[in-house]
């Protein structure tokens, strides 16, 4: 289901939207506005997930043993990589 809403937009912003529509980036003003709103919502969701992830790590940080093991595994992975000589 979709609902039509009225939105006031400054002339210069509407001009930019119209330019994008003329260039073929969007089929219509409505599609451009919808796309913009979807981007804002998606960015907010990602930001919230980032905050939750950060907060979880702050509550339960890695131990020294976990950090040491991660560094060891990274070093081993790099050492085992079949590097090509570029010089």
C-alpha atoms as a PDB file:
ATOM      1  CA  UNK A   1       0.000   0.000   0.000  1.00  0.00           C
ATOM      2  CA  UNK A   2       1.263   3.480  -0.749  1.00  0.00           C
ATOM      3  CA  UNK A   3       0.096   6.777   0.687  1.00  0.00           C
ATOM      4  CA  UNK A   4       0.382  10.094  -1.076  1.00  0.00           C
ATOM      5  CA  UNK A   5       1.796  12.946   1.018  1.00  0.00           C
ATOM      6  CA  UNK A   6       2.413  16.604   0.316  1.00  0.00           C
ATOM      7  CA  UNK A   7       5.968  17.827   0.854  1.00  0.00           C
ATOM      8  CA  UNK A   8       7.255  21.375   0.599  1.00  0.00           C
ATOM      9  CA  UNK A   9      10.655  21.537  -1.090  1.00  0.00           C
ATOM     10  CA  UNK A  10      12.826  24.627  -1.672  1.00  0.00           C
ATOM     11  CA  UNK A  11      13.048  25.729  -5.312  1.00  0.00           C
ATOM     12  CA  UNK A  12      16.764  25.025  -5.602  1.00  0.00           C
ATOM     13  CA  UNK A  13      16.390  21.483  -4.257  1.00  0.00           C
ATOM     14  CA  UNK A  14      13.471  20.793  -6.580  1.00  0.00           C
ATOM     15  CA  UNK A  15      15.588  22.107  -9.445  1.00  0.00           C
ATOM     16  CA  UNK A  16      18.275  19.558  -8.564  1.00  0.00           C
ATOM     17  CA  UNK A  17      15.679  16.784  -8.420  1.00  0.00           C
ATOM     18  CA  UNK A  18      14.284  17.852 -11.801  1.00  0.00           C
ATOM     19  CA  UNK A  19      17.803  17.863 -13.232  1.00  0.00           C
ATOM     20  CA  UNK A  20      18.326  14.297 -12.019  1.00  0.00           C
ATOM     21  CA  UNK A  21      15.038  13.249 -13.599  1.00  0.00           C
ATOM     22  CA  UNK A  22      16.001  14.948 -16.875  1.00  0.00           C
ATOM     23  CA  UNK A  23      19.358  13.138 -16.825  1.00  0.00           C
ATOM     24  CA  UNK A  24      17.556   9.828 -16.424  1.00  0.00           C
ATOM     25  CA  UNK A  25      18.733   9.092 -12.897  1.00  0.00           C
ATOM     26  CA  UNK A  26      15.092   8.718 -11.879  1.00  0.00           C
ATOM     27  CA  UNK A  27      11.873   8.178 -13.795  1.00  0.00           C
ATOM     28  CA  UNK A  28      10.013  10.890 -11.893  1.00  0.00           C
ATOM     29  CA  UNK A  29      10.159  13.342  -9.038  1.00  0.00           C
ATOM     30  CA  UNK A  30       8.264  10.841  -6.919  1.00  0.00           C
ATOM     31  CA  UNK A  31      10.825   8.124  -7.563  1.00  0.00           C
ATOM     32  CA  UNK A  32      13.662  10.511  -6.701  1.00  0.00           C
ATOM     33  CA  UNK A  33      12.010  11.580  -3.435  1.00  0.00           C
ATOM     34  CA  UNK A  34      11.204   7.966  -2.554  1.00  0.00           C
ATOM     35  CA  UNK A  35      14.798   6.949  -3.251  1.00  0.00           C
ATOM     36  CA  UNK A  36      16.077   9.755  -1.043  1.00  0.00           C
ATOM     37  CA  UNK A  37      13.805   8.750   1.814  1.00  0.00           C
ATOM     38  CA  UNK A  38      14.841   5.101   1.457  1.00  0.00           C
ATOM     39  CA  UNK A  39      18.491   6.165   1.656  1.00  0.00           C
ATOM     40  CA  UNK A  40      17.891   8.218   4.803  1.00  0.00           C
ATOM     41  CA  UNK A  41      16.052   5.339   6.482  1.00  0.00           C
ATOM     42  CA  UNK A  42      18.738   2.812   5.460  1.00  0.00           C
ATOM     43  CA  UNK A  43      21.526   5.094   6.738  1.00  0.00           C
ATOM     44  CA  UNK A  44      19.733   5.513  10.060  1.00  0.00           C
ATOM     45  CA  UNK A  45      19.299   1.745  10.383  1.00  0.00           C
ATOM     46  CA  UNK A  46      22.999   1.182   9.646  1.00  0.00           C
ATOM     47  CA  UNK A  47      23.903   3.828  12.210  1.00  0.00           C
ATOM     48  CA  UNK A  48      21.737   2.135  14.814  1.00  0.00           C
ATOM     49  CA  UNK A  49      23.318  -1.248  14.072  1.00  0.00           C
ATOM     50  CA  UNK A  50      26.769   0.346  14.311  1.00  0.00           C
ATOM     51  CA  UNK A  51      25.877   1.829  17.719  1.00  0.00           C
ATOM     52  CA  UNK A  52      24.541  -1.504  18.970  1.00  0.00           C
ATOM     53  CA  UNK A  53      27.659  -3.315  17.754  1.00  0.00           C
ATOM     54  CA  UNK A  54      29.935  -0.731  19.395  1.00  0.00           C
ATOM     55  CA  UNK A  55      27.967  -0.876  22.645  1.00  0.00           C
ATOM     56  CA  UNK A  56      28.124  -4.679  22.717  1.00  0.00           C
ATOM     57  CA  UNK A  57      31.892  -4.589  22.290  1.00  0.00           C
ATOM     58  CA  UNK A  58      32.121  -1.993  25.059  1.00  0.00           C
ATOM     59  CA  UNK A  59      30.136  -4.271  27.374  1.00  0.00           C
ATOM     60  CA  UNK A  60      32.131  -7.399  26.494  1.00  0.00           C
ATOM     61  CA  UNK A  61      35.525  -6.377  25.119  1.00  0.00           C
ATOM     62  CA  UNK A  62      37.987  -8.872  23.681  1.00  0.00           C
ATOM     63  CA  UNK A  63      40.369 -10.445  26.110  1.00  0.00           C
ATOM     64  CA  UNK A  64      44.135 -10.137  25.719  1.00  0.00           C
ATOM     65  CA  UNK A  65      44.203 -13.822  24.728  1.00  0.00           C
ATOM     66  CA  UNK A  66      41.613 -13.234  21.969  1.00  0.00           C
ATOM     67  CA  UNK A  67      43.525 -10.222  20.634  1.00  0.00           C
ATOM     68  CA  UNK A  68      46.787 -12.129  20.702  1.00  0.00           C
ATOM     69  CA  UNK A  69      45.231 -15.102  18.896  1.00  0.00           C
ATOM     70  CA  UNK A  70      43.717 -12.813  16.249  1.00  0.00           C
ATOM     71  CA  UNK A  71      47.114 -11.170  15.636  1.00  0.00           C
ATOM     72  CA  UNK A  72      48.773 -14.590  15.378  1.00  0.00           C
ATOM     73  CA  UNK A  73      46.166 -15.828  12.876  1.00  0.00           C
ATOM     74  CA  UNK A  74      46.503 -12.682  10.772  1.00  0.00           C
ATOM     75  CA  UNK A  75      50.282 -13.014  10.705  1.00  0.00           C
ATOM     76  CA  UNK A  76      50.036 -16.672   9.681  1.00  0.00           C
ATOM     77  CA  UNK A  77      47.520 -15.870   6.932  1.00  0.00           C
ATOM     78  CA  UNK A  78      49.819 -13.199   5.511  1.00  0.00           C
ATOM     79  CA  UNK A  79      52.834 -15.492   5.714  1.00  0.00           C
ATOM     80  CA  UNK A  80      50.948 -18.269   3.863  1.00  0.00           C
ATOM     81  CA  UNK A  81      49.746 -15.951   1.087  1.00  0.00           C
ATOM     82  CA  UNK A  82      51.389 -16.752  -2.270  1.00  0.00           C
ATOM     83  CA  UNK A  83      52.747 -13.245  -2.864  1.00  0.00           C
ATOM     84  CA  UNK A  84      53.975 -12.421  -6.344  1.00  0.00           C
ATOM     85  CA  UNK A  85      57.169 -10.472  -6.622  1.00  0.00           C
ATOM     86  CA  UNK A  86      56.525  -7.049  -8.085  1.00  0.00           C
ATOM     87  CA  UNK A  87      60.092  -5.801  -8.033  1.00  0.00           C
END
